[in-house]
Amino acid sequence: MKLPLAALALAALAWTAVAAQNPPALAPALPPRITFSKSFRGSVPTFVEITVQRDGSASFEVIQQPGQPPVKMEFHVGKALVEHIFALAAQLHDFSGPELEAKAKVGYMGTKMLAYDDATRHNQQTYNYSSRPAARDLTDIFERIAGSGEHAARLRHAVRYDRLGVVQELDGITRDWSEHQLLAPELLEPVLERVANDPDLMDIAHRRALDLLTEMGSARNR
């Protein structure tokens, strides 16, 4: 049976009113994020990538050698460091230009990439070396974060497959931390806590892991 046109019109109006009251859910906008990567064939590691979001959520990925599976970690970056990273990016117009690559000829130091993404923009630049102070500072920050991630990956591997190498890796972390070569201790703390509480590891490993956790906690509270 066909409905009268008036009934169809009323039904359409009713559906429109319901739809207006219940609009479809919008996908949440992605928070602004900055990504750094470095590729250097023939070096170890051969590739690292770090992404830091405006809310502090972050990820780290490292490939030690070509053909090996990536090691991935998620962590949280402290507010002060996040603000510093985004402030430096703003000085560089969020990588929209001018070019980061320096005109001067220098030796190859790995292909680096900096990218800025938000809900409406994607800016990306690659470079070997930049003479711009903000770019150099950002590169230093991300390479120091990468240092923490690389140590964390090696320590995780040592705990699983080379327990006699755990103390040696802890010594390397202690040295680099004391020389201010590492940032984002949040990458290291989970595996250090695992070492400190592993009854199958030597007491010296427990002590060194606990010492590092104490030093990192104190640095965060300064």
N, C-alpha and C. Protein backbone atom coordinates (compact mmCIF):
# COMPACT_ATOMS: atom_id res chain seq x y z
N MET A 1 0.84 -1.19 0.00
CA MET A 1 0.00 0.00 0.00
C MET A 1 0.88 1.25 0.00
N LYS A 2 0.58 2.21 -0.89
CA LYS A 2 1.37 3.43 -0.96
C LYS A 2 0.90 4.42 0.10
N LEU A 3 1.87 5.08 0.74
CA LEU A 3 1.54 6.10 1.73
C LEU A 3 1.25 7.41 1.03
N PRO A 4 0.32 8.21 1.56
CA PRO A 4 0.07 9.54 0.99
C PRO A 4 1.33 10.40 1.07
N LEU A 5 1.43 11.36 0.14
CA LEU A 5 2.60 12.25 0.14
C LEU A 5 2.74 13.01 1.45
N ALA A 6 1.61 13.38 2.04
CA ALA A 6 1.65 14.13 3.30
C ALA A 6 2.29 13.29 4.40
N ALA A 7 1.97 11.98 4.43
CA ALA A 7 2.54 11.10 5.44
C ALA A 7 4.04 10.93 5.23
N LEU A 8 4.43 10.82 3.97
CA LEU A 8 5.87 10.70 3.68
C LEU A 8 6.62 11.95 4.10
N ALA A 9 6.02 13.11 3.85
CA ALA A 9 6.66 14.37 4.24
C ALA A 9 6.81 14.46 5.74
N LEU A 10 5.77 14.06 6.48
CA LEU A 10 5.86 14.09 7.94
C LEU A 10 6.93 13.14 8.45
N ALA A 11 7.02 11.96 7.84
CA ALA A 11 8.04 10.99 8.26
C ALA A 11 9.44 11.54 8.01
N ALA A 12 9.63 12.22 6.87
CA ALA A 12 10.93 12.80 6.56
C ALA A 12 11.29 13.88 7.55
N LEU A 13 10.32 14.73 7.92
CA LEU A 13 10.58 15.79 8.90
C LEU A 13 10.94 15.20 10.26
N ALA A 14 10.22 14.11 10.63
CA ALA A 14 10.50 13.48 11.92
C ALA A 14 11.90 12.89 11.94
N TRP A 15 12.31 12.25 10.82
CA TRP A 15 13.67 11.67 10.75
C TRP A 15 14.73 12.77 10.83
N THR A 16 14.48 13.89 10.16
CA THR A 16 15.42 15.01 10.19
C THR A 16 15.58 15.56 11.59
N ALA A 17 14.47 15.66 12.33
CA ALA A 17 14.53 16.17 13.70
C ALA A 17 15.33 15.24 14.59
N VAL A 18 15.10 13.92 14.44
CA VAL A 18 15.86 12.95 15.24
C VAL A 18 17.34 13.01 14.92
N ALA A 19 17.67 13.11 13.61
CA ALA A 19 19.08 13.18 13.21
C ALA A 19 19.75 14.42 13.76
N ALA A 20 19.00 15.55 13.79
CA ALA A 20 19.58 16.79 14.32
C ALA A 20 19.89 16.68 15.80
N GLN A 21 19.00 15.94 16.51
CA GLN A 21 19.23 15.77 17.95
C GLN A 21 20.32 14.75 18.25
N ASN A 22 20.61 13.86 17.30
CA ASN A 22 21.60 12.80 17.50
C ASN A 22 22.60 12.79 16.35
N PRO A 23 23.42 13.83 16.26
CA PRO A 23 24.39 13.88 15.15
C PRO A 23 25.38 12.74 15.25
N PRO A 24 25.94 12.27 14.13
CA PRO A 24 26.93 11.19 14.18
C PRO A 24 28.17 11.62 14.94
N ALA A 25 28.73 10.69 15.69
CA ALA A 25 29.93 11.00 16.49
C ALA A 25 31.10 11.30 15.56
N LEU A 26 31.80 12.36 15.86
CA LEU A 26 32.97 12.72 15.08
C LEU A 26 34.20 12.02 15.62
N ALA A 27 35.08 11.60 14.73
CA ALA A 27 36.33 10.98 15.18
C ALA A 27 37.17 12.02 15.92
N PRO A 28 37.75 11.65 17.05
CA PRO A 28 38.55 12.63 17.79
C PRO A 28 39.74 13.11 16.96
N ALA A 29 39.99 14.41 17.03
CA ALA A 29 41.11 14.99 16.28
C ALA A 29 42.43 14.47 16.85
N LEU A 30 43.34 14.16 15.96
CA LEU A 30 44.65 13.70 16.42
C LEU A 30 45.37 14.86 17.08
N PRO A 31 46.00 14.62 18.23
CA PRO A 31 46.76 15.70 18.87
C PRO A 31 47.98 16.04 18.04
N PRO A 32 48.44 17.28 18.09
CA PRO A 32 49.67 17.63 17.37
C PRO A 32 50.81 16.72 17.79
N ARG A 33 51.65 16.36 16.83
CA ARG A 33 52.76 15.48 17.15
C ARG A 33 53.96 15.84 16.28
N ILE A 34 55.13 15.54 16.84
CA ILE A 34 56.39 15.78 16.15
C ILE A 34 57.11 14.44 16.05
N THR A 35 57.61 14.16 14.85
CA THR A 35 58.30 12.90 14.61
C THR A 35 59.72 13.19 14.15
N PHE A 36 60.66 12.44 14.71
CA PHE A 36 62.06 12.50 14.30
C PHE A 36 62.49 11.11 13.90
N SER A 37 63.21 11.00 12.80
CA SER A 37 63.80 9.71 12.44
C SER A 37 65.22 9.94 11.93
N LYS A 38 66.00 8.88 12.02
CA LYS A 38 67.38 8.91 11.52
C LYS A 38 67.69 7.57 10.89
N SER A 39 68.13 7.61 9.65
CA SER A 39 68.54 6.41 8.92
C SER A 39 70.01 6.53 8.60
N PHE A 40 70.76 5.47 8.88
CA PHE A 40 72.20 5.51 8.62
C PHE A 40 72.64 4.09 8.29
N ARG A 41 72.58 3.76 6.99
CA ARG A 41 72.95 2.41 6.57
C ARG A 41 74.43 2.17 6.89
N GLY A 42 74.70 1.01 7.45
CA GLY A 42 76.06 0.66 7.82
C GLY A 42 76.40 0.97 9.25
N SER A 43 75.52 1.71 9.95
CA SER A 43 75.75 2.00 11.36
C SER A 43 74.84 1.13 12.21
N VAL A 44 75.09 1.11 13.49
CA VAL A 44 74.24 0.38 14.43
C VAL A 44 73.82 1.37 15.52
N PRO A 45 72.51 1.65 15.62
CA PRO A 45 71.42 1.08 14.84
C PRO A 45 71.34 1.72 13.45
N THR A 46 70.64 1.03 12.57
CA THR A 46 70.49 1.55 11.21
C THR A 46 69.32 2.50 11.07
N PHE A 47 68.37 2.44 12.02
CA PHE A 47 67.19 3.30 11.94
C PHE A 47 66.59 3.51 13.32
N VAL A 48 66.23 4.76 13.62
CA VAL A 48 65.46 5.06 14.83
C VAL A 48 64.35 6.04 14.46
N GLU A 49 63.25 5.95 15.19
CA GLU A 49 62.16 6.90 15.00
C GLU A 49 61.51 7.18 16.35
N ILE A 50 61.24 8.45 16.60
CA ILE A 50 60.61 8.87 17.85
C ILE A 50 59.46 9.80 17.50
N THR A 51 58.30 9.56 18.09
CA THR A 51 57.15 10.45 17.93
C THR A 51 56.72 10.94 19.30
N VAL A 52 56.54 12.26 19.43
CA VAL A 52 56.10 12.88 20.68
C VAL A 52 54.83 13.66 20.40
N GLN A 53 53.76 13.34 21.11
CA GLN A 53 52.51 14.06 20.97
C GLN A 53 52.42 15.19 21.98
N ARG A 54 51.54 16.14 21.71
CA ARG A 54 51.41 17.31 22.55
C ARG A 54 51.02 16.95 23.98
N ASP A 55 50.29 15.84 24.15
CA ASP A 55 49.88 15.42 25.49
C ASP A 55 50.94 14.60 26.21
N GLY A 56 52.12 14.44 25.60
CA GLY A 56 53.21 13.72 26.23
C GLY A 56 53.31 12.25 25.84
N SER A 57 52.26 11.70 25.20
CA SER A 57 52.35 10.32 24.72
C SER A 57 53.45 10.23 23.66
N ALA A 58 54.23 9.18 23.73
CA ALA A 58 55.38 9.07 22.82
C ALA A 58 55.64 7.61 22.46
N SER A 59 56.34 7.43 21.34
CA SER A 59 56.73 6.09 20.91
C SER A 59 58.15 6.13 20.39
N PHE A 60 58.81 4.99 20.50
CA PHE A 60 60.20 4.84 20.06
C PHE A 60 60.29 3.55 19.27
N GLU A 61 61.03 3.59 18.17
CA GLU A 61 61.25 2.40 17.35
C GLU A 61 62.71 2.38 16.92
N VAL A 62 63.32 1.20 16.99
CA VAL A 62 64.72 1.07 16.58
C VAL A 62 64.88 -0.22 15.79
N ILE A 63 65.67 -0.15 14.72
CA ILE A 63 66.10 -1.33 13.96
C ILE A 63 67.61 -1.37 14.05
N GLN A 64 68.14 -2.41 14.68
CA GLN A 64 69.58 -2.47 14.89
C GLN A 64 70.33 -2.66 13.59
N GLN A 65 69.88 -3.62 12.76
CA GLN A 65 70.54 -3.92 11.50
C GLN A 65 69.49 -4.24 10.44
N PRO A 66 69.78 -3.97 9.16
CA PRO A 66 68.80 -4.28 8.12
C PRO A 66 68.37 -5.74 8.18
N GLY A 67 67.08 -5.96 8.02
CA GLY A 67 66.54 -7.30 8.05
C GLY A 67 66.08 -7.75 9.42
N GLN A 68 66.50 -7.05 10.49
CA GLN A 68 66.06 -7.40 11.82
C GLN A 68 64.71 -6.75 12.11
N PRO A 69 63.87 -7.39 12.93
CA PRO A 69 62.58 -6.79 13.26
C PRO A 69 62.77 -5.55 14.13
N PRO A 70 61.89 -4.57 14.00
CA PRO A 70 62.00 -3.37 14.84
C PRO A 70 61.63 -3.68 16.29
N VAL A 71 62.24 -2.95 17.19
CA VAL A 71 61.87 -2.97 18.60
C VAL A 71 61.08 -1.69 18.86
N LYS A 72 59.88 -1.83 19.42
CA LYS A 72 59.02 -0.68 19.62
C LYS A 72 58.68 -0.53 21.10
N MET A 73 58.61 0.71 21.56
CA MET A 73 58.25 1.00 22.94
C MET A 73 57.36 2.22 22.98
N GLU A 74 56.44 2.23 23.91
CA GLU A 74 55.63 3.42 24.17
C GLU A 74 56.01 3.96 25.54
N PHE A 75 56.00 5.28 25.67
CA PHE A 75 56.40 5.90 26.93
C PHE A 75 55.74 7.26 27.03
N HIS A 76 56.00 7.97 28.11
CA HIS A 76 55.42 9.30 28.31
C HIS A 76 56.54 10.29 28.59
N VAL A 77 56.50 11.41 27.89
CA VAL A 77 57.51 12.45 28.04
C VAL A 77 57.00 13.49 29.03
N GLY A 78 57.88 13.96 29.92
CA GLY A 78 57.52 14.97 30.89
C GLY A 78 57.09 16.28 30.23
N LYS A 79 56.24 17.04 30.94
CA LYS A 79 55.65 18.25 30.38
C LYS A 79 56.70 19.26 29.94
N ALA A 80 57.73 19.47 30.75
CA ALA A 80 58.74 20.49 30.42
C ALA A 80 59.45 20.15 29.11
N LEU A 81 59.79 18.88 28.92
CA LEU A 81 60.48 18.49 27.69
C LEU A 81 59.54 18.60 26.49
N VAL A 82 58.27 18.22 26.65
CA VAL A 82 57.30 18.37 25.56
C VAL A 82 57.20 19.83 25.14
N GLU A 83 57.07 20.73 26.11
CA GLU A 83 56.95 22.15 25.80
C GLU A 83 58.19 22.65 25.07
N HIS A 84 59.35 22.18 25.48
CA HIS A 84 60.61 22.61 24.84
C HIS A 84 60.67 22.12 23.40
N ILE A 85 60.28 20.88 23.17
CA ILE A 85 60.30 20.32 21.82
C ILE A 85 59.37 21.11 20.90
N PHE A 86 58.15 21.37 21.35
CA PHE A 86 57.20 22.08 20.49
C PHE A 86 57.58 23.55 20.32
N ALA A 87 58.23 24.14 21.32
CA ALA A 87 58.68 25.53 21.17
C ALA A 87 59.79 25.62 20.12
N LEU A 88 60.70 24.66 20.12
CA LEU A 88 61.76 24.66 19.10
C LEU A 88 61.17 24.44 17.71
N ALA A 89 60.18 23.54 17.63
CA ALA A 89 59.53 23.33 16.33
C ALA A 89 58.85 24.60 15.84
N ALA A 90 58.23 25.34 16.76
CA ALA A 90 57.57 26.59 16.38
C ALA A 90 58.58 27.60 15.83
N GLN A 91 59.79 27.62 16.41
CA GLN A 91 60.83 28.51 15.89
C GLN A 91 61.19 28.16 14.45
N LEU A 92 60.97 26.92 14.08
CA LEU A 92 61.27 26.46 12.71
C LEU A 92 60.01 26.41 11.86
N HIS A 93 58.96 27.15 12.30
CA HIS A 93 57.69 27.22 11.56
C HIS A 93 57.11 25.82 11.34
N ASP A 94 57.29 24.99 12.37
CA ASP A 94 56.79 23.61 12.31
C ASP A 94 57.23 22.90 11.04
N PHE A 95 58.46 23.22 10.62
CA PHE A 95 59.16 22.55 9.50
C PHE A 95 58.51 22.85 8.14
N SER A 96 57.74 23.93 8.05
CA SER A 96 57.15 24.30 6.77
C SER A 96 58.13 25.08 5.89
N GLY A 97 59.26 25.47 6.44
CA GLY A 97 60.26 26.23 5.71
C GLY A 97 60.79 27.35 6.59
N PRO A 98 61.93 27.90 6.27
CA PRO A 98 62.82 27.56 5.16
C PRO A 98 63.54 26.22 5.36
N GLU A 99 64.35 25.86 4.38
CA GLU A 99 65.02 24.56 4.37
C GLU A 99 65.94 24.40 5.56
N LEU A 100 65.92 23.22 6.15
CA LEU A 100 66.78 22.94 7.31
C LEU A 100 68.21 22.58 6.91
N GLU A 101 68.37 21.98 5.76
CA GLU A 101 69.70 21.51 5.34
C GLU A 101 70.66 22.69 5.21
N ALA A 102 71.85 22.53 5.81
CA ALA A 102 72.87 23.57 5.71
C ALA A 102 73.48 23.59 4.33
N LYS A 103 73.89 24.77 3.88
CA LYS A 103 74.53 24.91 2.58
C LYS A 103 75.97 24.41 2.60
N ALA A 104 76.61 24.53 3.77
CA ALA A 104 78.01 24.11 3.87
C ALA A 104 78.12 22.60 3.68
N LYS A 105 79.20 22.17 3.04
CA LYS A 105 79.44 20.76 2.82
C LYS A 105 80.06 20.15 4.07
N VAL A 106 79.41 19.12 4.58
CA VAL A 106 79.92 18.40 5.75
C VAL A 106 79.84 16.91 5.46
N GLY A 107 80.52 16.11 6.26
CA GLY A 107 80.46 14.66 6.10
C GLY A 107 79.07 14.13 6.38
N TYR A 108 78.80 12.97 5.81
CA TYR A 108 77.49 12.35 5.99
C TYR A 108 77.33 11.86 7.43
N MET A 109 76.24 12.28 8.07
CA MET A 109 75.98 11.92 9.46
C MET A 109 74.63 11.23 9.63
N GLY A 110 74.09 10.72 8.54
CA GLY A 110 72.80 10.05 8.62
C GLY A 110 71.69 10.95 8.10
N THR A 111 70.72 10.35 7.43
CA THR A 111 69.57 11.10 6.93
C THR A 111 68.55 11.26 8.04
N LYS A 112 68.31 12.50 8.41
CA LYS A 112 67.38 12.80 9.50
C LYS A 112 66.10 13.39 8.92
N MET A 113 65.01 13.19 9.65
CA MET A 113 63.72 13.72 9.23
C MET A 113 63.02 14.31 10.45
N LEU A 114 62.45 15.50 10.27
CA LEU A 114 61.58 16.11 11.27
C LEU A 114 60.24 16.38 10.63
N ALA A 115 59.16 16.00 11.29
CA ALA A 115 57.82 16.20 10.75
C ALA A 115 56.90 16.74 11.84
N TYR A 116 56.00 17.60 11.43
CA TYR A 116 54.95 18.11 12.31
C TYR A 116 53.60 17.71 11.72
N ASP A 117 52.72 17.16 12.55
CA ASP A 117 51.39 16.77 12.11
C ASP A 117 50.35 17.23 13.12
N ASP A 118 49.23 17.73 12.60
CA ASP A 118 48.05 17.92 13.42
C ASP A 118 46.83 17.61 12.56
N ALA A 119 45.65 18.04 12.97
CA ALA A 119 44.44 17.68 12.25
C ALA A 119 44.39 18.25 10.84
N THR A 120 45.13 19.32 10.59
CA THR A 120 45.03 19.99 9.28
C THR A 120 46.34 20.13 8.54
N ARG A 121 47.46 19.80 9.18
CA ARG A 121 48.75 20.07 8.54
C ARG A 121 49.68 18.86 8.62
N HIS A 122 50.52 18.75 7.61
CA HIS A 122 51.65 17.82 7.63
C HIS A 122 52.83 18.53 6.99
N ASN A 123 53.84 18.83 7.80
CA ASN A 123 55.07 19.44 7.30
C ASN A 123 56.22 18.49 7.59
N GLN A 124 57.11 18.35 6.64
CA GLN A 124 58.22 17.40 6.79
C GLN A 124 59.45 17.89 6.04
N GLN A 125 60.61 17.73 6.68
CA GLN A 125 61.87 18.04 6.03
C GLN A 125 62.89 16.97 6.37
N THR A 126 63.77 16.68 5.43
CA THR A 126 64.90 15.79 5.67
C THR A 126 66.19 16.60 5.56
N TYR A 127 67.21 16.14 6.27
CA TYR A 127 68.49 16.85 6.27
C TYR A 127 69.58 15.93 6.78
N ASN A 128 70.79 16.24 6.42
CA ASN A 128 71.96 15.58 6.96
C ASN A 128 72.51 16.38 8.13
N TYR A 129 72.65 17.68 7.90
CA TYR A 129 73.17 18.58 8.93
C TYR A 129 72.50 19.94 8.77
N SER A 130 72.11 20.54 9.87
CA SER A 130 71.51 21.87 9.85
C SER A 130 72.33 22.81 10.72
N SER A 131 72.53 24.02 10.21
CA SER A 131 73.24 25.05 10.99
C SER A 131 72.27 25.90 11.79
N ARG A 132 71.00 25.67 11.65
CA ARG A 132 70.01 26.48 12.39
C ARG A 132 69.97 26.00 13.85
N PRO A 133 70.15 26.94 14.80
CA PRO A 133 70.25 26.54 16.21
C PRO A 133 69.07 25.70 16.70
N ALA A 134 67.85 26.08 16.35
CA ALA A 134 66.69 25.32 16.84
C ALA A 134 66.69 23.90 16.29
N ALA A 135 67.08 23.75 15.02
CA ALA A 135 67.14 22.41 14.43
C ALA A 135 68.23 21.58 15.09
N ARG A 136 69.35 22.20 15.36
CA ARG A 136 70.44 21.47 16.03
C ARG A 136 70.02 21.06 17.44
N ASP A 137 69.33 21.95 18.15
CA ASP A 137 68.86 21.61 19.50
C ASP A 137 67.86 20.47 19.46
N LEU A 138 66.93 20.52 18.49
CA LEU A 138 65.95 19.43 18.37
C LEU A 138 66.63 18.11 18.04
N THR A 139 67.59 18.16 17.14
CA THR A 139 68.32 16.94 16.78
C THR A 139 69.02 16.37 18.00
N ASP A 140 69.66 17.22 18.78
CA ASP A 140 70.35 16.77 19.99
C ASP A 140 69.37 16.14 20.98
N ILE A 141 68.22 16.77 21.18
CA ILE A 141 67.22 16.23 22.10
C ILE A 141 66.77 14.85 21.65
N PHE A 142 66.43 14.73 20.38
CA PHE A 142 65.91 13.44 19.91
C PHE A 142 66.99 12.37 19.89
N GLU A 143 68.22 12.74 19.62
CA GLU A 143 69.28 11.73 19.65
C GLU A 143 69.57 11.28 21.09
N ARG A 144 69.39 12.17 22.05
CA ARG A 144 69.55 11.76 23.45
C ARG A 144 68.39 10.89 23.92
N ILE A 145 67.18 11.18 23.43
CA ILE A 145 66.05 10.27 23.70
C ILE A 145 66.32 8.91 23.06
N ALA A 146 66.82 8.95 21.82
CA ALA A 146 67.14 7.68 21.14
C ALA A 146 68.18 6.89 21.92
N GLY A 147 69.14 7.59 22.52
CA GLY A 147 70.14 6.90 23.34
C GLY A 147 69.50 6.13 24.48
N SER A 148 68.51 6.73 25.13
CA SER A 148 67.80 6.03 26.20
C SER A 148 67.07 4.81 25.64
N GLY A 149 66.41 5.00 24.49
CA GLY A 149 65.68 3.88 23.90
C GLY A 149 66.58 2.74 23.48
N GLU A 150 67.75 3.08 22.92
CA GLU A 150 68.68 2.04 22.50
C GLU A 150 69.21 1.26 23.70
N HIS A 151 69.54 1.97 24.77
CA HIS A 151 69.99 1.29 25.99
C HIS A 151 68.87 0.39 26.53
N ALA A 152 67.63 0.89 26.52
CA ALA A 152 66.51 0.09 27.02
C ALA A 152 66.34 -1.18 26.20
N ALA A 153 66.46 -1.05 24.88
CA ALA A 153 66.31 -2.23 24.01
C ALA A 153 67.41 -3.25 24.27
N ARG A 154 68.65 -2.77 24.42
CA ARG A 154 69.76 -3.70 24.68
C ARG A 154 69.64 -4.35 26.05
N LEU A 155 69.20 -3.58 27.05
CA LEU A 155 69.05 -4.16 28.39
C LEU A 155 67.93 -5.19 28.41
N ARG A 156 66.85 -4.92 27.74
CA ARG A 156 65.77 -5.91 27.64
C ARG A 156 66.27 -7.19 26.99
N HIS A 157 67.06 -7.05 25.95
CA HIS A 157 67.62 -8.23 25.27
C HIS A 157 68.56 -9.00 26.20
N ALA A 158 69.39 -8.24 26.94
CA ALA A 158 70.34 -8.90 27.85
C ALA A 158 69.61 -9.66 28.96
N VAL A 159 68.55 -9.11 29.50
CA VAL A 159 67.79 -9.77 30.56
C VAL A 159 67.22 -11.10 30.05
N ARG A 160 66.81 -11.13 28.80
CA ARG A 160 66.19 -12.34 28.26
C ARG A 160 67.21 -13.36 27.75
N TYR A 161 68.32 -12.87 27.14
CA TYR A 161 69.18 -13.79 26.40
C TYR A 161 70.65 -13.78 26.83
N ASP A 162 71.07 -12.80 27.62
CA ASP A 162 72.49 -12.68 27.95
C ASP A 162 72.63 -12.09 29.34
N ARG A 163 72.25 -12.87 30.33
CA ARG A 163 72.21 -12.33 31.70
C ARG A 163 73.57 -11.89 32.20
N LEU A 164 74.63 -12.48 31.68
CA LEU A 164 75.95 -12.04 32.10
C LEU A 164 76.28 -10.66 31.53
N GLY A 165 75.56 -10.25 30.50
CA GLY A 165 75.79 -8.93 29.91
C GLY A 165 74.97 -7.82 30.53
N VAL A 166 74.13 -8.15 31.51
CA VAL A 166 73.26 -7.14 32.11
C VAL A 166 74.08 -6.07 32.81
N VAL A 167 75.06 -6.47 33.62
CA VAL A 167 75.86 -5.50 34.36
C VAL A 167 76.63 -4.60 33.42
N GLN A 168 77.17 -5.16 32.34
CA GLN A 168 77.89 -4.35 31.36
C GLN A 168 76.98 -3.28 30.76
N GLU A 169 75.76 -3.66 30.42
CA GLU A 169 74.83 -2.67 29.86
C GLU A 169 74.45 -1.63 30.90
N LEU A 170 74.26 -2.04 32.14
CA LEU A 170 73.97 -1.08 33.20
C LEU A 170 75.12 -0.09 33.39
N ASP A 171 76.36 -0.58 33.25
CA ASP A 171 77.51 0.32 33.34
C ASP A 171 77.47 1.36 32.22
N GLY A 172 77.08 0.93 31.02
CA GLY A 172 76.97 1.87 29.91
C GLY A 172 75.90 2.92 30.15
N ILE A 173 74.77 2.51 30.70
CA ILE A 173 73.70 3.45 31.02
C ILE A 173 74.18 4.45 32.08
N THR A 174 74.85 3.94 33.11
CA THR A 174 75.35 4.81 34.18
C THR A 174 76.31 5.85 33.63
N ARG A 175 77.21 5.41 32.76
CA ARG A 175 78.18 6.34 32.17
C ARG A 175 77.48 7.42 31.35
N ASP A 176 76.58 7.00 30.46
CA ASP A 176 75.93 7.97 29.58
C ASP A 176 75.00 8.89 30.36
N TRP A 177 74.35 8.37 31.39
CA TRP A 177 73.48 9.22 32.21
C TRP A 177 74.30 10.28 32.96
N SER A 178 75.43 9.88 33.52
CA SER A 178 76.26 10.83 34.27
C SER A 178 76.87 11.88 33.36
N GLU A 179 77.04 11.55 32.08
CA GLU A 179 77.60 12.51 31.11
C GLU A 179 76.51 13.28 30.37
N HIS A 180 75.27 13.16 30.84
CA HIS A 180 74.13 13.91 30.29
C HIS A 180 73.90 13.60 28.80
N GLN A 181 74.12 12.34 28.44
CA GLN A 181 73.91 11.91 27.07
C GLN A 181 72.52 11.32 26.83
N LEU A 182 71.71 11.21 27.89
CA LEU A 182 70.41 10.56 27.78
C LEU A 182 69.30 11.49 28.24
N LEU A 183 68.15 11.37 27.58
CA LEU A 183 66.93 12.06 27.98
C LEU A 183 65.79 11.05 28.01
N ALA A 184 64.66 11.48 28.60
CA ALA A 184 63.47 10.63 28.70
C ALA A 184 63.76 9.34 29.46
N PRO A 185 64.10 9.45 30.75
CA PRO A 185 64.34 8.23 31.53
C PRO A 185 63.13 7.32 31.59
N GLU A 186 61.94 7.86 31.23
CA GLU A 186 60.74 7.03 31.21
C GLU A 186 60.90 5.82 30.29
N LEU A 187 61.78 5.92 29.31
CA LEU A 187 62.05 4.77 28.44
C LEU A 187 62.81 3.68 29.18
N LEU A 188 63.65 4.07 30.11
CA LEU A 188 64.53 3.13 30.79
C LEU A 188 63.94 2.56 32.08
N GLU A 189 63.09 3.33 32.72
CA GLU A 189 62.64 2.94 34.06
C GLU A 189 61.92 1.59 34.11
N PRO A 190 61.05 1.24 33.16
CA PRO A 190 60.40 -0.08 33.27
C PRO A 190 61.37 -1.25 33.28
N VAL A 191 62.39 -1.22 32.40
CA VAL A 191 63.32 -2.34 32.36
C VAL A 191 64.28 -2.28 33.55
N LEU A 192 64.60 -1.09 34.04
CA LEU A 192 65.43 -1.00 35.25
C LEU A 192 64.68 -1.57 36.46
N GLU A 193 63.39 -1.31 36.56
CA GLU A 193 62.60 -1.88 37.65
C GLU A 193 62.55 -3.40 37.54
N ARG A 194 62.49 -3.89 36.31
CA ARG A 194 62.49 -5.34 36.11
C ARG A 194 63.81 -5.94 36.59
N VAL A 195 64.91 -5.28 36.26
CA VAL A 195 66.23 -5.77 36.70
C VAL A 195 66.32 -5.73 38.21
N ALA A 196 65.89 -4.63 38.80
CA ALA A 196 66.01 -4.46 40.26
C ALA A 196 65.23 -5.52 41.02
N ASN A 197 64.17 -6.06 40.41
CA ASN A 197 63.31 -7.01 41.12
C ASN A 197 63.44 -8.45 40.63
N ASP A 198 64.40 -8.70 39.75
CA ASP A 198 64.58 -10.05 39.20
C ASP A 198 65.47 -10.87 40.13
N PRO A 199 64.92 -11.88 40.82
CA PRO A 199 65.72 -12.65 41.78
C PRO A 199 66.80 -13.49 41.12
N ASP A 200 66.71 -13.70 39.82
CA ASP A 200 67.70 -14.53 39.14
C ASP A 200 68.94 -13.76 38.70
N LEU A 201 68.92 -12.44 38.87
CA LEU A 201 70.08 -11.64 38.50
C LEU A 201 70.98 -11.40 39.71
N MET A 202 72.21 -11.04 39.45
CA MET A 202 73.18 -10.83 40.51
C MET A 202 72.84 -9.60 41.34
N ASP A 203 73.29 -9.62 42.60
CA ASP A 203 73.03 -8.48 43.49
C ASP A 203 73.60 -7.18 42.94
N ILE A 204 74.76 -7.25 42.27
CA ILE A 204 75.35 -6.03 41.73
C ILE A 204 74.44 -5.41 40.66
N ALA A 205 73.73 -6.25 39.90
CA ALA A 205 72.78 -5.73 38.92
C ALA A 205 71.61 -5.05 39.62
N HIS A 206 71.13 -5.67 40.72
CA HIS A 206 70.04 -5.06 41.49
C HIS A 206 70.46 -3.68 41.99
N ARG A 207 71.66 -3.59 42.57
CA ARG A 207 72.11 -2.33 43.16
C ARG A 207 72.26 -1.25 42.10
N ARG A 208 72.86 -1.60 40.98
CA ARG A 208 73.08 -0.58 39.95
C ARG A 208 71.78 -0.12 39.34
N ALA A 209 70.84 -1.03 39.16
CA ALA A 209 69.54 -0.63 38.64
C ALA A 209 68.82 0.30 39.62
N LEU A 210 68.89 -0.04 40.91
CA LEU A 210 68.26 0.82 41.92
C LEU A 210 68.93 2.18 42.00
N ASP A 211 70.26 2.22 41.88
CA ASP A 211 70.97 3.50 41.89
C ASP A 211 70.52 4.37 40.72
N LEU A 212 70.39 3.76 39.55
CA LEU A 212 69.95 4.53 38.38
C LEU A 212 68.52 5.03 38.55
N LEU A 213 67.64 4.20 39.08
CA LEU A 213 66.27 4.63 39.30
C LEU A 213 66.21 5.80 40.27
N THR A 214 67.04 5.75 41.30
CA THR A 214 67.08 6.85 42.27
C THR A 214 67.57 8.14 41.62
N GLU A 215 68.65 8.04 40.85
CA GLU A 215 69.20 9.23 40.19
C GLU A 215 68.20 9.82 39.19
N MET A 216 67.53 8.97 38.44
CA MET A 216 66.55 9.47 37.46
C MET A 216 65.35 10.10 38.15
N GLY A 217 64.92 9.51 39.24
CA GLY A 217 63.83 10.10 39.99
C GLY A 217 64.19 11.45 40.58
N SER A 218 65.42 11.57 41.07
CA SER A 218 65.87 12.84 41.62
C SER A 218 65.96 13.91 40.54
N ALA A 219 66.44 13.53 39.35
CA ALA A 219 66.56 14.49 38.25
C ALA A 219 65.19 15.00 37.84
N ARG A 220 64.18 14.14 37.87
CA ARG A 220 62.84 14.56 37.47
C ARG A 220 62.26 15.56 38.46
N ASN A 221 62.64 15.47 39.72
CA ASN A 221 62.08 16.32 40.76
C ASN A 221 62.84 17.63 40.95
N ARG A 222 63.92 17.82 40.20
CA ARG A 222 64.69 19.06 40.36
C ARG A 222 63.96 20.24 39.75
